[in-house]
PDB file of all heavy atoms in Angstrom:
ATOM      1  N   GLY A   1      66.764  72.459-196.161  1.00  0.00           N
ATOM      2  CA  GLY A   1      66.240  73.075-197.375  1.00  0.00           C
ATOM      3  C   GLY A   1      65.077  72.406-198.060  1.00  0.00           C
ATOM      4  O   GLY A   1      64.407  73.038-198.884  1.00  0.00           O
ATOM      5  N   LEU A   2      64.817  71.130-197.777  1.00  0.00           N
ATOM      6  CA  LEU A   2      63.689  70.457-198.421  1.00  0.00           C
ATOM      7  C   LEU A   2      62.383  71.009-197.875  1.00  0.00           C
ATOM      8  O   LEU A   2      62.284  71.302-196.679  1.00  0.00           O
ATOM      9  CB  LEU A   2      63.754  68.949-198.165  1.00  0.00           C
ATOM     10  CG  LEU A   2      62.658  68.105-198.833  1.00  0.00           C
ATOM     11  CD1 LEU A   2      62.874  68.041-200.339  1.00  0.00           C
ATOM     12  CD2 LEU A   2      62.622  66.698-198.231  1.00  0.00           C
ATOM     13  N   ASP A   3      61.374  71.147-198.744  1.00  0.00           N
ATOM     14  CA  ASP A   3      60.073  71.579-198.257  1.00  0.00           C
ATOM     15  C   ASP A   3      59.108  70.400-198.237  1.00  0.00           C
ATOM     16  O   ASP A   3      59.367  69.335-198.807  1.00  0.00           O
ATOM     17  CB  ASP A   3      59.521  72.742-199.092  1.00  0.00           C
ATOM     18  CG  ASP A   3      58.937  72.288-200.405  1.00  0.00           C
ATOM     19  OD1 ASP A   3      59.570  71.449-201.068  1.00  0.00           O
ATOM     20  OD2 ASP A   3      57.857  72.770-200.777  1.00  0.00           O
ATOM     21  N   VAL A   4      57.992  70.580-197.542  1.00  0.00           N
ATOM     22  CA  VAL A   4      57.046  69.500-197.282  1.00  0.00           C
ATOM     23  C   VAL A   4      56.462  68.926-198.568  1.00  0.00           C
ATOM     24  O   VAL A   4      56.424  67.705-198.771  1.00  0.00           O
ATOM     25  CB  VAL A   4      55.923  69.998-196.349  1.00  0.00           C
ATOM     26  CG1 VAL A   4      54.775  68.997-196.300  1.00  0.00           C
ATOM     27  CG2 VAL A   4      56.472  70.263-194.954  1.00  0.00           C
ATOM     28  N   ALA A   5      55.977  69.786-199.464  1.00  0.00           N
ATOM     29  CA  ALA A   5      55.327  69.313-200.679  1.00  0.00           C
ATOM     30  C   ALA A   5      56.285  68.498-201.550  1.00  0.00           C
ATOM     31  O   ALA A   5      55.910  67.457-202.109  1.00  0.00           O
ATOM     32  CB  ALA A   5      54.771  70.494-201.470  1.00  0.00           C
ATOM     33  N   THR A   6      57.522  68.950-201.672  1.00  0.00           N
ATOM     34  CA  THR A   6      58.506  68.212-202.457  1.00  0.00           C
ATOM     35  C   THR A   6      58.741  66.830-201.853  1.00  0.00           C
ATOM     36  O   THR A   6      58.833  65.828-202.576  1.00  0.00           O
ATOM     37  CB  THR A   6      59.832  68.985-202.514  1.00  0.00           C
ATOM     38  OG1 THR A   6      59.596  70.268-203.110  1.00  0.00           O
ATOM     39  CG2 THR A   6      60.871  68.234-203.334  1.00  0.00           C
ATOM     40  N   ALA A   7      58.820  66.757-200.526  1.00  0.00           N
ATOM     41  CA  ALA A   7      59.013  65.473-199.861  1.00  0.00           C
ATOM     42  C   ALA A   7      57.862  64.520-200.155  1.00  0.00           C
ATOM     43  O   ALA A   7      58.073  63.333-200.444  1.00  0.00           O
ATOM     44  CB  ALA A   7      59.140  65.681-198.350  1.00  0.00           C
ATOM     45  N   VAL A   8      56.625  65.029-200.109  1.00  0.00           N
ATOM     46  CA  VAL A   8      55.465  64.172-200.345  1.00  0.00           C
ATOM     47  C   VAL A   8      55.426  63.703-201.801  1.00  0.00           C
ATOM     48  O   VAL A   8      55.050  62.561-202.082  1.00  0.00           O
ATOM     49  CB  VAL A   8      54.163  64.899-199.958  1.00  0.00           C
ATOM     50  CG1 VAL A   8      52.948  64.050-200.309  1.00  0.00           C
ATOM     51  CG2 VAL A   8      54.155  65.224-198.465  1.00  0.00           C
ATOM     52  N   VAL A   9      55.821  64.569-202.727  1.00  0.00           N
ATOM     53  CA  VAL A   9      55.863  64.161-204.139  1.00  0.00           C
ATOM     54  C   VAL A   9      56.815  62.988-204.325  1.00  0.00           C
ATOM     55  O   VAL A   9      56.460  61.963-204.931  1.00  0.00           O
ATOM     56  CB  VAL A   9      56.288  65.333-205.048  1.00  0.00           C
ATOM     57  CG1 VAL A   9      56.588  64.828-206.462  1.00  0.00           C
ATOM     58  CG2 VAL A   9      55.199  66.389-205.104  1.00  0.00           C
ATOM     59  N   PHE A  10      58.040  63.113-203.821  1.00  0.00           N
ATOM     60  CA  PHE A  10      59.027  62.042-203.969  1.00  0.00           C
ATOM     61  C   PHE A  10      58.550  60.768-203.293  1.00  0.00           C
ATOM     62  O   PHE A  10      58.606  59.677-203.873  1.00  0.00           O
ATOM     63  CB  PHE A  10      60.370  62.485-203.379  1.00  0.00           C
ATOM     64  CG  PHE A  10      61.217  63.278-204.327  1.00  0.00           C
ATOM     65  CD1 PHE A  10      60.956  64.623-204.556  1.00  0.00           C
ATOM     66  CD2 PHE A  10      62.275  62.693-205.000  1.00  0.00           C
ATOM     67  CE1 PHE A  10      61.730  65.363-205.442  1.00  0.00           C
ATOM     68  CE2 PHE A  10      63.057  63.423-205.879  1.00  0.00           C
ATOM     69  CZ  PHE A  10      62.794  64.763-206.105  1.00  0.00           C
ATOM     70  N   ARG A  11      58.097  60.881-202.040  1.00  0.00           N
ATOM     71  CA  ARG A  11      57.695  59.711-201.273  1.00  0.00           C
ATOM     72  C   ARG A  11      56.509  58.992-201.908  1.00  0.00           C
ATOM     73  O   ARG A  11      56.512  57.768-202.073  1.00  0.00           O
ATOM     74  CB  ARG A  11      57.327  60.137-199.851  1.00  0.00           C
ATOM     75  CG  ARG A  11      57.042  59.003-198.905  1.00  0.00           C
ATOM     76  CD  ARG A  11      56.232  59.471-197.716  1.00  0.00           C
ATOM     77  NE  ARG A  11      54.850  59.755-198.087  1.00  0.00           N
ATOM     78  CZ  ARG A  11      53.915  60.142-197.227  1.00  0.00           C
ATOM     79  NH1 ARG A  11      54.239  60.355-195.957  1.00  0.00           N
ATOM     80  NH2 ARG A  11      52.678  60.360-197.620  1.00  0.00           N
ATOM     81  N   SER A  12      55.487  59.758-202.282  1.00  0.00           N
ATOM     82  CA  SER A  12      54.277  59.158-202.831  1.00  0.00           C
ATOM     83  C   SER A  12      54.528  58.543-204.197  1.00  0.00           C
ATOM     84  O   SER A  12      54.016  57.457-204.505  1.00  0.00           O
ATOM     85  CB  SER A  12      53.168  60.218-202.933  1.00  0.00           C
ATOM     86  OG  SER A  12      52.853  60.738-201.664  1.00  0.00           O
ATOM     87  N   THR A  13      55.310  59.230-205.038  1.00  0.00           N
ATOM     88  CA  THR A  13      55.574  58.721-206.379  1.00  0.00           C
ATOM     89  C   THR A  13      56.346  57.409-206.336  1.00  0.00           C
ATOM     90  O   THR A  13      55.980  56.434-207.011  1.00  0.00           O
ATOM     91  CB  THR A  13      56.370  59.753-207.203  1.00  0.00           C
ATOM     92  OG1 THR A  13      55.619  60.968-207.285  1.00  0.00           O
ATOM     93  CG2 THR A  13      56.652  59.230-208.602  1.00  0.00           C
ATOM     94  N   VAL A  14      57.389  57.367-205.535  1.00  0.00           N
ATOM     95  CA  VAL A  14      58.192  56.141-205.443  1.00  0.00           C
ATOM     96  C   VAL A  14      57.365  55.000-204.860  1.00  0.00           C
ATOM     97  O   VAL A  14      57.413  53.867-205.355  1.00  0.00           O
ATOM     98  CB  VAL A  14      59.463  56.386-204.606  1.00  0.00           C
ATOM     99  CG1 VAL A  14      60.179  55.066-204.326  1.00  0.00           C
ATOM    100  CG2 VAL A  14      60.393  57.342-205.341  1.00  0.00           C
ATOM    101  N   THR A  15      56.583  55.289-203.829  1.00  0.00           N
ATOM    102  CA  THR A  15      55.751  54.249-203.225  1.00  0.00           C
ATOM    103  C   THR A  15      54.720  53.735-204.214  1.00  0.00           C
ATOM    104  O   THR A  15      54.481  52.523-204.306  1.00  0.00           O
ATOM    105  CB  THR A  15      55.050  54.776-201.961  1.00  0.00           C
ATOM    106  OG1 THR A  15      56.032  55.262-201.042  1.00  0.00           O
ATOM    107  CG2 THR A  15      54.233  53.681-201.296  1.00  0.00           C
ATOM    108  N   ALA A  16      54.103  54.638-204.979  1.00  0.00           N
ATOM    109  CA  ALA A  16      53.127  54.222-205.989  1.00  0.00           C
ATOM    110  C   ALA A  16      53.775  53.327-207.036  1.00  0.00           C
ATOM    111  O   ALA A  16      53.189  52.321-207.458  1.00  0.00           O
ATOM    112  CB  ALA A  16      52.505  55.451-206.647  1.00  0.00           C
ATOM    113  N   ILE A  17      54.990  53.662-207.451  1.00  0.00           N
ATOM    114  CA  ILE A  17      55.698  52.842-208.434  1.00  0.00           C
ATOM    115  C   ILE A  17      55.984  51.456-207.867  1.00  0.00           C
ATOM    116  O   ILE A  17      55.798  50.428-208.549  1.00  0.00           O
ATOM    117  CB  ILE A  17      57.006  53.528-208.875  1.00  0.00           C
ATOM    118  CG1 ILE A  17      56.685  54.793-209.683  1.00  0.00           C
ATOM    119  CG2 ILE A  17      57.877  52.581-209.695  1.00  0.00           C
ATOM    120  CD1 ILE A  17      57.898  55.646-209.996  1.00  0.00           C
ATOM    121  N   VAL A  18      56.431  51.412-206.612  1.00  0.00           N
ATOM    122  CA  VAL A  18      56.722  50.121-205.970  1.00  0.00           C
ATOM    123  C   VAL A  18      55.470  49.258-205.901  1.00  0.00           C
ATOM    124  O   VAL A  18      55.491  48.067-206.245  1.00  0.00           O
ATOM    125  CB  VAL A  18      57.301  50.344-204.553  1.00  0.00           C
ATOM    126  CG1 VAL A  18      57.366  49.026-203.787  1.00  0.00           C
ATOM    127  CG2 VAL A  18      58.687  50.962-204.641  1.00  0.00           C
ATOM    128  N   ILE A  19      54.350  49.841-205.474  1.00  0.00           N
ATOM    129  CA  ILE A  19      53.103  49.084-205.370  1.00  0.00           C
ATOM    130  C   ILE A  19      52.620  48.650-206.758  1.00  0.00           C
ATOM    131  O   ILE A  19      52.108  47.537-206.927  1.00  0.00           O
ATOM    132  CB  ILE A  19      52.014  49.917-204.667  1.00  0.00           C
ATOM    133  CG1 ILE A  19      52.464  50.282-203.246  1.00  0.00           C
ATOM    134  CG2 ILE A  19      50.699  49.156-204.616  1.00  0.00           C
ATOM    135  CD1 ILE A  19      52.747  49.092-202.354  1.00  0.00           C
ATOM    136  N   ALA A  20      52.797  49.511-207.768  1.00  0.00           N
ATOM    137  CA  ALA A  20      52.400  49.142-209.137  1.00  0.00           C
ATOM    138  C   ALA A  20      53.190  47.939-209.622  1.00  0.00           C
ATOM    139  O   ALA A  20      52.637  47.026-210.254  1.00  0.00           O
ATOM    140  CB  ALA A  20      52.611  50.334-210.077  1.00  0.00           C
ATOM    141  N   VAL A  21      54.482  47.919-209.326  1.00  0.00           N
ATOM    142  CA  VAL A  21      55.312  46.770-209.709  1.00  0.00           C
ATOM    143  C   VAL A  21      54.825  45.502-209.017  1.00  0.00           C
ATOM    144  O   VAL A  21      54.742  44.430-209.624  1.00  0.00           O
ATOM    145  CB  VAL A  21      56.794  47.041-209.371  1.00  0.00           C
ATOM    146  CG1 VAL A  21      57.625  45.779-209.557  1.00  0.00           C
ATOM    147  CG2 VAL A  21      57.332  48.159-210.244  1.00  0.00           C
ATOM    148  N   ILE A  22      54.483  45.624-207.723  1.00  0.00           N
ATOM    149  CA  ILE A  22      53.959  44.474-206.984  1.00  0.00           C
ATOM    150  C   ILE A  22      52.680  43.949-207.637  1.00  0.00           C
ATOM    151  O   ILE A  22      52.492  42.743-207.804  1.00  0.00           O
ATOM    152  CB  ILE A  22      53.695  44.854-205.513  1.00  0.00           C
ATOM    153  CG1 ILE A  22      55.017  45.119-204.786  1.00  0.00           C
ATOM    154  CG2 ILE A  22      52.913  43.749-204.792  1.00  0.00           C
ATOM    155  CD1 ILE A  22      54.839  45.631-203.370  1.00  0.00           C
ATOM    156  N   LEU A  23      51.786  44.863-208.014  1.00  0.00           N
ATOM    157  CA  LEU A  23      50.534  44.469-208.658  1.00  0.00           C
ATOM    158  C   LEU A  23      50.790  43.739-209.976  1.00  0.00           C
ATOM    159  O   LEU A  23      50.139  42.733-210.285  1.00  0.00           O
ATOM    160  CB  LEU A  23      49.669  45.705-208.901  1.00  0.00           C
ATOM    161  CG  LEU A  23      49.066  46.379-207.662  1.00  0.00           C
ATOM    162  CD1 LEU A  23      48.363  47.660-208.047  1.00  0.00           C
ATOM    163  CD2 LEU A  23      48.098  45.440-206.954  1.00  0.00           C
ATOM    164  N   ILE A  24      51.747  44.254-210.743  1.00  0.00           N
ATOM    165  CA  ILE A  24      52.064  43.625-212.038  1.00  0.00           C
ATOM    166  C   ILE A  24      52.658  42.239-211.820  1.00  0.00           C
ATOM    167  O   ILE A  24      52.261  41.261-212.475  1.00  0.00           O
ATOM    168  CB  ILE A  24      53.035  44.518-212.839  1.00  0.00           C
ATOM    169  CG1 ILE A  24      52.344  45.825-213.238  1.00  0.00           C
ATOM    170  CG2 ILE A  24      53.539  43.780-214.078  1.00  0.00           C
ATOM    171  CD1 ILE A  24      53.276  46.860-213.843  1.00  0.00           C
ATOM    172  N   VAL A  25      53.619  42.133-210.910  1.00  0.00           N
ATOM    173  CA  VAL A  25      54.276  40.845-210.648  1.00  0.00           C
ATOM    174  C   VAL A  25      53.273  39.820-210.129  1.00  0.00           C
ATOM    175  O   VAL A  25      53.315  38.642-210.511  1.00  0.00           O
ATOM    176  CB  VAL A  25      55.427  41.038-209.633  1.00  0.00           C
ATOM    177  CG1 VAL A  25      55.970  39.681-209.178  1.00  0.00           C
ATOM    178  CG2 VAL A  25      56.543  41.864-210.259  1.00  0.00           C
ATOM    179  N   GLN A  26      52.364  40.253-209.274  1.00  0.00           N
ATOM    180  CA  GLN A  26      51.392  39.335-208.689  1.00  0.00           C
ATOM    181  C   GLN A  26      50.154  39.153-209.561  1.00  0.00           C
ATOM    182  O   GLN A  26      49.259  38.391-209.194  1.00  0.00           O
ATOM    183  CB  GLN A  26      50.993  39.831-207.298  1.00  0.00           C
ATOM    184  CG  GLN A  26      52.165  39.823-206.315  1.00  0.00           C
ATOM    185  CD  GLN A  26      51.779  40.282-204.930  1.00  0.00           C
ATOM    186  OE1 GLN A  26      50.696  40.837-204.710  1.00  0.00           O
ATOM    187  NE2 GLN A  26      52.655  40.046-203.955  1.00  0.00           N
ATOM    188  N   GLY A  27      50.110  39.826-210.682  1.00  0.00           N
ATOM    189  CA  GLY A  27      49.014  39.652-211.627  1.00  0.00           C
ATOM    190  C   GLY A  27      47.668  40.140-211.128  1.00  0.00           C
ATOM    191  O   GLY A  27      46.627  39.582-211.491  1.00  0.00           O
ATOM    192  N   VAL A  28      47.664  41.182-210.325  1.00  0.00           N
ATOM    193  CA  VAL A  28      46.419  41.719-209.790  1.00  0.00           C
ATOM    194  C   VAL A  28      45.763  42.629-210.816  1.00  0.00           C
ATOM    195  O   VAL A  28      46.407  43.520-211.370  1.00  0.00           O
ATOM    196  CB  VAL A  28      46.674  42.506-208.488  1.00  0.00           C
ATOM    197  CG1 VAL A  28      45.377  43.092-207.948  1.00  0.00           C
ATOM    198  CG2 VAL A  28      47.318  41.594-207.447  1.00  0.00           C
ATOM    199  N   LYS A  29      44.486  42.407-211.070  1.00  0.00           N
ATOM    200  CA  LYS A  29      43.760  43.209-212.039  1.00  0.00           C
ATOM    201  C   LYS A  29      43.015  44.342-211.320  1.00  0.00           C
ATOM    202  O   LYS A  29      42.518  44.167-210.215  1.00  0.00           O
ATOM    203  CB  LYS A  29      42.773  42.343-212.816  1.00  0.00           C
ATOM    204  CG  LYS A  29      43.443  41.282-213.688  1.00  0.00           C
ATOM    205  CD  LYS A  29      42.420  40.490-214.472  1.00  0.00           C
ATOM    206  CE  LYS A  29      43.096  39.442-215.354  1.00  0.00           C
ATOM    207  NZ  LYS A  29      42.094  38.641-216.119  1.00  0.00           N
ATOM    208  N   LEU A  30      42.971  45.488-211.987  1.00  0.00           N
ATOM    209  CA  LEU A  30      42.268  46.650-211.421  1.00  0.00           C
ATOM    210  C   LEU A  30      40.800  46.591-211.810  1.00  0.00           C
ATOM    211  O   LEU A  30      40.454  46.639-212.989  1.00  0.00           O
ATOM    212  CB  LEU A  30      42.904  47.946-211.929  1.00  0.00           C
ATOM    213  CG  LEU A  30      44.402  48.112-211.690  1.00  0.00           C
ATOM    214  CD1 LEU A  30      44.861  49.481-212.179  1.00  0.00           C
ATOM    215  CD2 LEU A  30      44.750  47.941-210.221  1.00  0.00           C
ATOM    216  N   LYS A  31      39.941  46.452-210.806  1.00  0.00           N
ATOM    217  CA  LYS A  31      38.504  46.412-211.045  1.00  0.00           C
ATOM    218  C   LYS A  31      37.820  47.381-210.091  1.00  0.00           C
ATOM    219  O   LYS A  31      37.981  47.283-208.877  1.00  0.00           O
ATOM    220  CB  LYS A  31      37.953  45.000-210.831  1.00  0.00           C
ATOM    221  CG  LYS A  31      38.471  43.960-211.824  1.00  0.00           C
ATOM    222  CD  LYS A  31      37.848  42.595-211.564  1.00  0.00           C
ATOM    223  CE  LYS A  31      38.351  41.562-212.557  1.00  0.00           C
ATOM    224  NZ  LYS A  31      37.763  40.219-212.306  1.00  0.00           N
ATOM    225  N   PHE A  32      37.062  48.318-210.665  1.00  0.00           N
ATOM    226  CA  PHE A  32      36.396  49.323-209.842  1.00  0.00           C
ATOM    227  C   PHE A  32      34.916  49.401-210.200  1.00  0.00           C
ATOM    228  O   PHE A  32      34.550  49.360-211.379  1.00  0.00           O
ATOM    229  CB  PHE A  32      37.018  50.702-210.057  1.00  0.00           C
ATOM    230  CG  PHE A  32      38.493  50.769-209.763  1.00  0.00           C
ATOM    231  CD1 PHE A  32      39.409  50.922-210.793  1.00  0.00           C
ATOM    232  CD2 PHE A  32      38.963  50.679-208.467  1.00  0.00           C
ATOM    233  CE1 PHE A  32      40.762  50.979-210.540  1.00  0.00           C
ATOM    234  CE2 PHE A  32      40.316  50.744-208.192  1.00  0.00           C
ATOM    235  CZ  PHE A  32      41.219  50.889-209.234  1.00  0.00           C
ATOM    236  N   THR A  33      34.079  49.519-209.190  1.00  0.00           N
ATOM    237  CA  THR A  33      32.665  49.792-209.419  1.00  0.00           C
ATOM    238  C   THR A  33      32.485  51.300-209.573  1.00  0.00           C
ATOM    239  O   THR A  33      33.417  52.086-209.350  1.00  0.00           O
ATOM    240  CB  THR A  33      31.821  49.300-208.232  1.00  0.00           C
ATOM    241  OG1 THR A  33      32.161  50.075-207.066  1.00  0.00           O
ATOM    242  CG2 THR A  33      32.094  47.828-207.927  1.00  0.00           C
ATOM    243  N   ALA A  34      31.282  51.693-209.941  1.00  0.00           N
ATOM    244  CA  ALA A  34      31.004  53.120-210.078  1.00  0.00           C
ATOM    245  C   ALA A  34      31.212  53.833-208.743  1.00  0.00           C
ATOM    246  O   ALA A  34      31.708  54.966-208.684  1.00  0.00           O
ATOM    247  CB  ALA A  34      29.571  53.323-210.570  1.00  0.00           C
ATOM    248  N   ARG A  35      30.839  53.153-207.648  1.00  0.00           N
ATOM    249  CA  ARG A  35      31.016  53.740-206.324  1.00  0.00           C
ATOM    250  C   ARG A  35      32.489  53.927-206.005  1.00  0.00           C
ATOM    251  O   ARG A  35      32.903  54.955-205.448  1.00  0.00           O
ATOM    252  CB  ARG A  35      30.371  52.836-205.266  1.00  0.00           C
ATOM    253  CG  ARG A  35      30.340  53.441-203.854  1.00  0.00           C
ATOM    254  CD  ARG A  35      29.481  54.670-203.835  1.00  0.00           C
ATOM    255  NE  ARG A  35      29.301  55.190-202.474  1.00  0.00           N
ATOM    256  CZ  ARG A  35      28.754  56.359-202.218  1.00  0.00           C
ATOM    257  NH1 ARG A  35      28.349  57.142-203.214  1.00  0.00           N
ATOM    258  NH2 ARG A  35      28.617  56.772-200.975  1.00  0.00           N
ATOM    259  N   HIS A  36      33.298  52.933-206.365  1.00  0.00           N
ATOM    260  CA  HIS A  36      34.736  53.036-206.133  1.00  0.00           C
ATOM    261  C   HIS A  36      35.329  54.216-206.893  1.00  0.00           C
ATOM    262  O   HIS A  36      36.189  54.939-206.367  1.00  0.00           O
ATOM    263  CB  HIS A  36      35.443  51.750-206.572  1.00  0.00           C
ATOM    264  CG  HIS A  36      35.052  50.544-205.780  1.00  0.00           C
ATOM    265  ND1 HIS A  36      35.168  49.262-206.256  1.00  0.00           N
ATOM    266  CD2 HIS A  36      34.533  50.429-204.516  1.00  0.00           C
ATOM    267  CE1 HIS A  36      34.762  48.414-205.344  1.00  0.00           C
ATOM    268  NE2 HIS A  36      34.363  49.093-204.283  1.00  0.00           N
ATOM    269  N   LYS A  37      34.874  54.409-208.121  1.00  0.00           N
ATOM    270  CA  LYS A  37      35.410  55.492-208.951  1.00  0.00           C
ATOM    271  C   LYS A  37      35.060  56.859-208.369  1.00  0.00           C
ATOM    272  O   LYS A  37      35.759  57.843-208.624  1.00  0.00           O
ATOM    273  CB  LYS A  37      34.871  55.373-210.381  1.00  0.00           C
ATOM    274  CG  LYS A  37      35.402  54.142-211.123  1.00  0.00           C
ATOM    275  CD  LYS A  37      34.790  54.021-212.513  1.00  0.00           C
ATOM    276  CE  LYS A  37      35.308  52.780-213.230  1.00  0.00           C
ATOM    277  NZ  LYS A  37      34.685  52.619-214.573  1.00  0.00           N
ATOM    278  N   GLN A  38      33.982  56.916-207.590  1.00  0.00           N
ATOM    279  CA  GLN A  38      33.611  58.172-206.939  1.00  0.00           C
ATOM    280  C   GLN A  38      34.406  58.399-205.651  1.00  0.00           C
ATOM    281  O   GLN A  38      34.858  59.511-205.370  1.00  0.00           O
ATOM    282  CB  GLN A  38      32.115  58.161-206.604  1.00  0.00           C
ATOM    283  CG  GLN A  38      31.198  58.243-207.820  1.00  0.00           C
ATOM    284  CD  GLN A  38      29.736  58.193-207.419  1.00  0.00           C
ATOM    285  OE1 GLN A  38      29.390  57.776-206.318  1.00  0.00           O
ATOM    286  NE2 GLN A  38      28.855  58.607-208.314  1.00  0.00           N
ATOM    287  N   MET A  39      34.563  57.317-204.872  1.00  0.00           N
ATOM    288  CA  MET A  39      35.108  57.475-203.522  1.00  0.00           C
ATOM    289  C   MET A  39      36.630  57.387-203.453  1.00  0.00           C
ATOM    290  O   MET A  39      37.239  58.065-202.609  1.00  0.00           O
ATOM    291  CB  MET A  39      34.496  56.417-202.597  1.00  0.00           C
ATOM    292  CG  MET A  39      32.988  56.522-202.453  1.00  0.00           C
ATOM    293  SD  MET A  39      32.404  58.202-202.025  1.00  0.00           S
ATOM    294  CE  MET A  39      33.254  58.482-200.474  1.00  0.00           C
TER     295      MET A  39
END
């Protein structure tokens, strides 16, 4: 019964949260150039 889009939402959201926690714990700062913000 699960559909593809629902699976990607759950998978991507949880993975993003996990990576965000890693960034916070490791004290990584978000720095983007104008080119990065485009690409």
